[in-house]
Amino acid sequence: MNTPLHTGSPAIEARGLVKYFGSTKAVDGVDLVVPTGTVYGVLGPNGAGKTTTVRMLATLLRPDAGQAKVFGYDVTTNSVAVRSMVGVTGQYASVDEDLSATENLIVFSRLLGKSRRASRQRAHDLLEEFGLTDAAKRPLKEFSGGMRRRLDLAASLIATPPLLFLDEPTTGLDPRTRAQMWDTIRRLVAGGSTVLLTTQYLDEADQLADRIAVIDHGRVIADGTADELKSSIGSTTLQLTPADKSLAPAAMMVIEQILREPATLSAEAGRITAPLPSPDLLPDILIALREQSIGVEAMNVQKPSLDEVFLTITGEPAESDSDSKEYAA
């Protein structure tokens, strides 16, 4: 099991990170604080600067301005120390096409200084962890996209790093394989690792991330828990449909009196919609309706979704094929 480093202090502290590619400012003053032992989600449209930010934090790119620390070590002046504590899984599997899964993992293990015996054992354990044992001897060119993703993540875990950067690790995976990857990420954090996860899948961030930053045009434009981000764009909504549609106007009056908020009525569906300041008011509404002999056919309480958050603060859907481009080193 991993033991978190510098328990109580952030795994990542970044202030004012800037990166230019030619005259293009790909990252424009990013600030991030990632607590140790958590999953920190980074959302953003294509070309928003997510991958460039990760590459700077992982010492793969040098910032043009600003400062970043990983477990207290500066990514520029102490890059060797930082690299010893991080694992990076990119958007494309960094493995050899002609070698088998086992051979790839053994090569990476040997490069990290492990003995032949330890490398083979580690490869066996990782292939079992990621459900690749049956394909252990097959060359990578015969692997599906999902299998390549899992092998890439396995390779990044050979040294069991305290901090793992996952840059869109489930892109292109089928739902079942994505769910398996989510379970693996949860196990990593339960074992003491910290994960910084970039993704365009909002359900992924909602399921996994303890906190979320939204990056657009190279800047962090929102940061908080999923619930905080949802609350920032609007209140929870109550939808209620009386069993007798003809009583919908009377039911709406009852709801407005209790919530002290204006409601709307869909006359055709008989459905009443109103902002819900507090879930504690729901019993009061049901009791008042019963006193008026108004039965309820359906009731639904709906929070804003992360999709709505993303659309509101960036002005475009999460999985948009933006014209902007993510620049690589």
Protein backbone atom coordinates (compact mmCIF):
# COMPACT_ATOMS: atom_id res chain seq x y z
CA MET A 1 0.00 0.00 0.00
CA ASN A 2 1.18 3.53 -0.80
CA THR A 3 1.88 5.89 2.06
CA PRO A 4 0.94 9.47 1.10
CA LEU A 5 3.82 11.92 1.21
CA HIS A 6 3.58 15.09 3.29
CA THR A 7 0.23 14.06 4.76
CA GLY A 8 -1.91 17.15 5.37
CA SER A 9 -0.22 19.25 2.68
CA PRO A 10 -1.31 19.42 -0.97
CA ALA A 11 0.02 16.92 -3.49
CA ILE A 12 0.12 19.72 -6.08
CA GLU A 13 0.36 23.49 -5.67
CA ALA A 14 0.46 25.49 -8.90
CA ARG A 15 0.39 29.27 -9.10
CA GLY A 16 0.22 31.32 -12.27
CA LEU A 17 1.45 28.61 -14.68
CA VAL A 18 2.03 29.96 -18.18
CA LYS A 19 3.12 28.18 -21.35
CA TYR A 20 3.66 29.61 -24.83
CA PHE A 21 4.03 27.74 -28.10
CA GLY A 22 5.37 30.39 -30.43
CA SER A 23 3.03 33.35 -30.08
CA THR A 24 0.17 31.18 -28.76
CA LYS A 25 -0.41 31.21 -25.01
CA ALA A 26 -1.64 27.66 -24.43
CA VAL A 27 -1.77 28.03 -20.63
CA ASP A 28 -2.55 31.45 -19.20
CA GLY A 29 -1.97 31.62 -15.45
CA VAL A 30 -3.35 28.31 -14.13
CA ASP A 31 -3.75 27.96 -10.36
CA LEU A 32 -4.37 24.50 -8.87
CA VAL A 33 -4.29 23.03 -5.38
CA VAL A 34 -4.73 19.24 -5.29
CA PRO A 35 -5.22 17.68 -1.82
CA THR A 36 -3.24 14.53 -1.06
CA GLY A 37 -5.15 11.25 -1.30
CA THR A 38 -7.92 12.53 -3.58
CA VAL A 39 -9.07 12.42 -7.19
CA TYR A 40 -8.88 15.89 -8.70
CA GLY A 41 -10.76 16.27 -11.97
CA VAL A 42 -9.78 18.75 -14.67
CA LEU A 43 -12.45 19.47 -17.28
CA GLY A 44 -12.25 21.57 -20.40
CA PRO A 45 -13.05 21.71 -24.11
CA ASN A 46 -10.57 20.41 -26.66
CA GLY A 47 -7.58 22.73 -26.73
CA ALA A 48 -8.37 24.30 -23.35
CA GLY A 49 -4.86 23.65 -22.00
CA LYS A 50 -5.48 20.54 -19.90
CA THR A 51 -2.76 18.34 -21.40
CA THR A 52 -0.21 21.16 -21.48
CA THR A 53 -0.87 21.84 -17.79
CA VAL A 54 -0.40 18.15 -16.93
CA ARG A 55 2.85 18.01 -18.90
CA MET A 56 4.23 20.96 -16.94
CA LEU A 57 3.23 19.45 -13.60
CA ALA A 58 4.83 16.15 -14.60
CA THR A 59 8.09 17.95 -15.60
CA LEU A 60 7.64 17.03 -19.28
CA LEU A 61 7.39 20.71 -20.22
CA ARG A 62 9.08 23.67 -18.57
CA PRO A 63 6.73 26.50 -17.55
CA ASP A 64 7.43 29.90 -19.08
CA ALA A 65 6.11 31.59 -15.94
CA GLY A 66 4.61 30.70 -12.59
CA GLN A 67 5.51 28.01 -10.08
CA ALA A 68 4.38 24.48 -9.33
CA LYS A 69 5.27 22.08 -6.54
CA VAL A 70 4.62 18.35 -6.19
CA PHE A 71 4.70 17.20 -2.56
CA GLY A 72 6.68 20.35 -1.84
CA TYR A 73 9.27 19.86 -4.62
CA ASP A 74 9.50 22.49 -7.33
CA VAL A 75 8.85 20.98 -10.77
CA THR A 76 11.59 23.12 -12.32
CA THR A 77 14.40 23.12 -9.77
CA ASN A 78 13.72 19.65 -8.33
CA SER A 79 12.46 17.85 -11.44
CA VAL A 80 14.36 14.62 -10.67
CA ALA A 81 12.68 14.32 -7.27
CA VAL A 82 9.28 15.05 -8.79
CA ARG A 83 9.70 12.41 -11.50
CA SER A 84 10.47 9.80 -8.85
CA MET A 85 7.04 10.40 -7.30
CA VAL A 86 4.76 10.58 -10.33
CA GLY A 87 3.33 8.33 -12.99
CA VAL A 88 1.90 9.63 -16.25
CA THR A 89 -0.65 7.97 -18.49
CA GLY A 90 -1.17 9.92 -21.70
CA GLN A 91 -3.91 9.98 -24.28
CA TYR A 92 -2.13 7.33 -26.36
CA ALA A 93 -0.50 4.13 -25.17
CA SER A 94 3.27 4.62 -24.88
CA VAL A 95 4.17 0.99 -25.53
CA ASP A 96 6.00 -1.11 -28.17
CA GLU A 97 3.72 -2.57 -30.85
CA ASP A 98 5.88 -5.62 -31.55
CA LEU A 99 6.33 -6.77 -27.95
CA SER A 100 3.81 -8.71 -25.91
CA ALA A 101 2.04 -7.17 -22.93
CA THR A 102 4.32 -9.04 -20.54
CA GLU A 103 7.46 -7.99 -22.42
CA ASN A 104 6.41 -4.34 -22.41
CA LEU A 105 5.87 -4.29 -18.68
CA ILE A 106 9.13 -6.14 -18.00
CA VAL A 107 11.05 -3.59 -20.12
CA PHE A 108 9.53 -0.69 -18.19
CA SER A 109 10.25 -2.40 -14.87
CA ARG A 110 13.87 -3.02 -15.82
CA LEU A 111 14.25 0.62 -16.87
CA LEU A 112 13.08 1.57 -13.39
CA GLY A 113 15.86 -0.55 -11.88
CA LYS A 114 13.91 -3.64 -10.82
CA SER A 115 15.52 -7.08 -11.06
CA ARG A 116 14.44 -9.57 -13.74
CA ARG A 117 12.56 -11.66 -11.19
CA ALA A 118 10.86 -8.64 -9.61
CA SER A 119 10.01 -7.26 -13.06
CA ARG A 120 8.36 -10.49 -14.16
CA GLN A 121 6.38 -10.74 -10.92
CA ARG A 122 5.26 -7.10 -11.19
CA ALA A 123 4.19 -7.65 -14.80
CA HIS A 124 2.17 -10.72 -13.78
CA ASP A 125 0.46 -8.82 -10.94
CA LEU A 126 -0.43 -5.82 -13.12
CA LEU A 127 -1.78 -7.92 -15.98
CA GLU A 128 -4.00 -9.72 -13.49
CA GLU A 129 -5.12 -6.43 -11.93
CA PHE A 130 -6.19 -5.05 -15.30
CA GLY A 131 -7.77 -8.22 -16.66
CA LEU A 132 -5.10 -8.83 -19.31
CA THR A 133 -3.74 -12.19 -18.19
CA ASP A 134 -5.28 -14.07 -21.12
CA ALA A 135 -3.60 -11.65 -23.55
CA ALA A 136 -0.24 -11.56 -21.76
CA LYS A 137 1.70 -13.22 -24.60
CA ARG A 138 -0.06 -11.50 -27.50
CA PRO A 139 1.71 -8.69 -29.42
CA LEU A 140 0.22 -5.27 -28.88
CA LYS A 141 -0.77 -4.88 -32.52
CA GLU A 142 -3.51 -7.43 -31.81
CA PHE A 143 -4.87 -5.44 -28.86
CA SER A 144 -8.15 -3.50 -28.91
CA GLY A 145 -8.22 0.16 -27.93
CA GLY A 146 -9.55 -0.68 -24.48
CA MET A 147 -6.82 -3.26 -23.88
CA ARG A 148 -4.15 -0.75 -24.89
CA ARG A 149 -5.56 1.78 -22.44
CA ARG A 150 -5.46 -0.71 -19.60
CA LEU A 151 -1.89 -1.72 -20.45
CA ASP A 152 -0.82 1.91 -20.58
CA LEU A 153 -2.25 2.50 -17.11
CA ALA A 154 -0.60 -0.70 -15.87
CA ALA A 155 2.77 0.52 -17.17
CA SER A 156 2.40 3.80 -15.29
CA LEU A 157 1.79 1.88 -12.05
CA ILE A 158 4.92 -0.28 -12.12
CA ALA A 159 6.56 1.89 -9.49
CA THR A 160 3.27 2.54 -7.59
CA PRO A 161 3.69 6.33 -7.62
CA PRO A 162 2.19 8.54 -4.90
CA LEU A 163 0.85 10.85 -7.64
CA LEU A 164 -0.66 9.65 -10.91
CA PHE A 165 -1.55 11.90 -13.85
CA LEU A 166 -4.30 10.36 -15.98
CA ASP A 167 -4.77 12.39 -19.15
CA GLU A 168 -8.13 11.37 -20.62
CA PRO A 169 -7.49 7.69 -19.79
CA THR A 170 -10.91 6.40 -20.87
CA THR A 171 -11.22 8.16 -24.23
CA GLY A 172 -12.59 5.70 -26.76
CA LEU A 173 -13.32 2.94 -24.24
CA ASP A 174 -16.60 1.04 -24.20
CA PRO A 175 -18.84 1.58 -21.13
CA ARG A 176 -17.84 -1.71 -19.47
CA THR A 177 -14.11 -1.02 -19.76
CA ARG A 178 -14.61 2.56 -18.56
CA ALA A 179 -16.37 1.23 -15.46
CA GLN A 180 -13.47 -1.16 -14.84
CA MET A 181 -11.03 1.74 -15.14
CA TRP A 182 -13.07 3.75 -12.64
CA ASP A 183 -12.87 0.88 -10.15
CA THR A 184 -9.09 0.77 -10.62
CA ILE A 185 -8.79 4.51 -9.96
CA ARG A 186 -10.85 4.18 -6.79
CA ARG A 187 -8.59 1.35 -5.58
CA LEU A 188 -5.49 3.47 -6.26
CA VAL A 189 -6.78 6.31 -4.11
CA ALA A 190 -7.93 3.89 -1.39
CA GLY A 191 -4.36 2.58 -1.40
CA GLY A 192 -2.88 6.04 -0.75
CA SER A 193 -2.30 7.50 -4.23
CA THR A 194 -3.39 10.93 -5.44
CA VAL A 195 -4.87 11.14 -8.94
CA LEU A 196 -5.13 14.14 -11.24
CA LEU A 197 -7.62 13.17 -13.94
CA THR A 198 -8.29 15.16 -17.10
CA THR A 199 -11.45 14.21 -18.92
CA GLN A 200 -14.15 15.44 -21.26
CA TYR A 201 -16.66 12.96 -19.84
CA LEU A 202 -18.69 14.80 -17.23
CA ASP A 203 -20.15 11.61 -15.74
CA GLU A 204 -16.58 10.45 -15.13
CA ALA A 205 -15.72 13.59 -13.17
CA ASP A 206 -19.02 13.37 -11.29
CA GLN A 207 -18.37 9.73 -10.34
CA LEU A 208 -14.70 9.99 -9.41
CA ALA A 209 -13.53 13.49 -8.56
CA ASP A 210 -13.45 14.89 -5.04
CA ARG A 211 -12.89 18.33 -6.55
CA ILE A 212 -13.10 19.63 -10.10
CA ALA A 213 -11.41 22.48 -11.96
CA VAL A 214 -12.77 23.72 -15.27
CA ILE A 215 -10.12 25.07 -17.66
CA ASP A 216 -10.97 27.12 -20.73
CA HIS A 217 -8.63 29.15 -22.94
CA GLY A 218 -5.73 28.25 -20.67
CA ARG A 219 -7.32 29.49 -17.44
CA VAL A 220 -9.13 27.93 -14.49
CA ILE A 221 -12.61 29.46 -14.69
CA ALA A 222 -14.28 27.39 -11.96
CA ASP A 223 -13.19 25.16 -9.08
CA GLY A 224 -15.06 23.20 -6.42
CA THR A 225 -16.82 19.97 -5.63
CA ALA A 226 -19.36 18.68 -8.14
CA ASP A 227 -22.20 19.81 -5.86
CA GLU A 228 -20.65 23.27 -5.44
CA LEU A 229 -20.32 23.71 -9.19
CA LYS A 230 -23.88 22.56 -9.76
CA SER A 231 -25.21 24.91 -7.08
CA SER A 232 -23.30 27.82 -8.62
CA ILE A 233 -25.53 27.89 -11.69
CA GLY A 234 -28.93 27.45 -10.09
CA SER A 235 -31.07 25.85 -7.43
CA THR A 236 -32.56 22.40 -7.17
CA THR A 237 -35.85 22.01 -9.04
CA LEU A 238 -39.05 20.30 -7.91
CA GLN A 239 -41.32 18.71 -10.50
CA LEU A 240 -44.70 17.42 -9.30
CA THR A 241 -47.66 15.96 -11.20
CA PRO A 242 -51.03 15.60 -9.42
CA ALA A 243 -52.93 12.35 -9.90
CA ASP A 244 -55.92 14.44 -11.06
CA LYS A 245 -54.63 16.86 -13.70
CA SER A 246 -57.64 19.15 -13.18
CA LEU A 247 -56.33 19.89 -9.68
CA ALA A 248 -52.95 21.07 -10.97
CA PRO A 249 -53.77 24.81 -10.56
CA ALA A 250 -54.79 24.24 -6.94
CA ALA A 251 -51.68 22.14 -6.32
CA MET A 252 -49.52 24.90 -7.80
CA MET A 253 -51.02 27.43 -5.35
CA VAL A 254 -50.17 25.14 -2.43
CA ILE A 255 -46.60 24.68 -3.65
CA GLU A 256 -46.07 28.42 -4.17
CA GLN A 257 -47.39 29.20 -0.68
CA ILE A 258 -44.97 26.75 0.98
CA LEU A 259 -41.90 27.43 -1.16
CA ARG A 260 -42.59 31.16 -1.47
CA GLU A 261 -41.30 30.84 -5.00
CA PRO A 262 -43.15 31.24 -8.32
CA ALA A 263 -43.99 27.94 -10.02
CA THR A 264 -44.83 27.11 -13.62
CA LEU A 265 -47.50 24.75 -14.89
CA SER A 266 -47.37 22.61 -18.00
CA ALA A 267 -51.12 22.51 -18.67
CA GLU A 268 -50.94 19.61 -21.13
CA ALA A 269 -48.88 17.36 -18.86
CA GLY A 270 -50.30 18.73 -15.62
CA ARG A 271 -46.74 19.02 -14.33
CA ILE A 272 -45.73 21.77 -11.88
CA THR A 273 -42.13 23.00 -11.80
CA ALA A 274 -40.67 25.20 -9.06
CA PRO A 275 -37.27 26.01 -7.53
CA LEU A 276 -36.73 24.07 -4.30
CA PRO A 277 -34.75 26.10 -1.72
CA SER A 278 -34.49 23.14 0.68
CA PRO A 279 -35.39 19.42 0.50
CA ASP A 280 -36.74 19.80 4.05
CA LEU A 281 -39.82 21.48 2.56
CA LEU A 282 -40.92 18.37 0.66
CA PRO A 283 -42.82 16.79 3.62
CA ASP A 284 -44.67 20.11 4.16
CA ILE A 285 -45.77 20.11 0.52
CA LEU A 286 -47.03 16.52 0.64
CA ILE A 287 -48.92 17.11 3.91
CA ALA A 288 -50.54 20.29 2.55
CA LEU A 289 -51.59 18.55 -0.65
CA ARG A 290 -53.09 15.66 1.31
CA GLU A 291 -55.08 18.12 3.43
CA GLN A 292 -56.49 19.52 0.18
CA SER A 293 -57.30 15.96 -1.02
CA ILE A 294 -54.81 16.32 -3.89
CA GLY A 295 -53.07 13.07 -4.73
CA VAL A 296 -49.61 12.92 -6.29
CA GLU A 297 -48.89 10.85 -9.38
CA ALA A 298 -45.18 11.69 -9.69
CA MET A 299 -42.61 13.83 -7.95
CA ASN A 300 -39.03 14.46 -8.95
CA VAL A 301 -36.25 16.54 -7.39
CA GLN A 302 -33.55 17.46 -9.88
CA LYS A 303 -30.20 19.15 -9.33
CA PRO A 304 -28.38 20.96 -12.15
CA SER A 305 -26.11 18.53 -13.99
CA LEU A 306 -22.40 18.94 -14.67
CA ASP A 307 -23.38 19.16 -18.34
CA GLU A 308 -25.38 22.30 -17.53
CA VAL A 309 -22.48 23.66 -15.48
CA PHE A 310 -20.05 23.09 -18.33
CA LEU A 311 -22.34 24.63 -20.94
CA THR A 312 -23.06 27.64 -18.72
CA ILE A 313 -19.48 28.54 -17.85
CA THR A 314 -17.70 27.61 -21.11
CA GLY A 315 -20.46 28.32 -23.60
CA GLU A 316 -20.05 24.97 -25.34
CA PRO A 317 -20.83 21.27 -24.73
CA ALA A 318 -18.21 19.17 -22.97
CA GLU A 319 -17.45 16.89 -25.92
CA SER A 320 -17.39 19.64 -28.52
CA ASP A 321 -14.98 19.32 -31.42
CA SER A 322 -13.59 22.76 -30.85
CA ASP A 323 -11.64 24.49 -33.56
CA SER A 324 -8.93 25.24 -31.00
CA LYS A 325 -5.94 22.92 -30.80
CA GLU A 326 -4.02 21.34 -27.93
CA TYR A 327 -0.36 22.00 -28.57
CA ALA A 328 2.28 19.36 -27.85
CA ALA A 329 5.92 19.71 -27.13
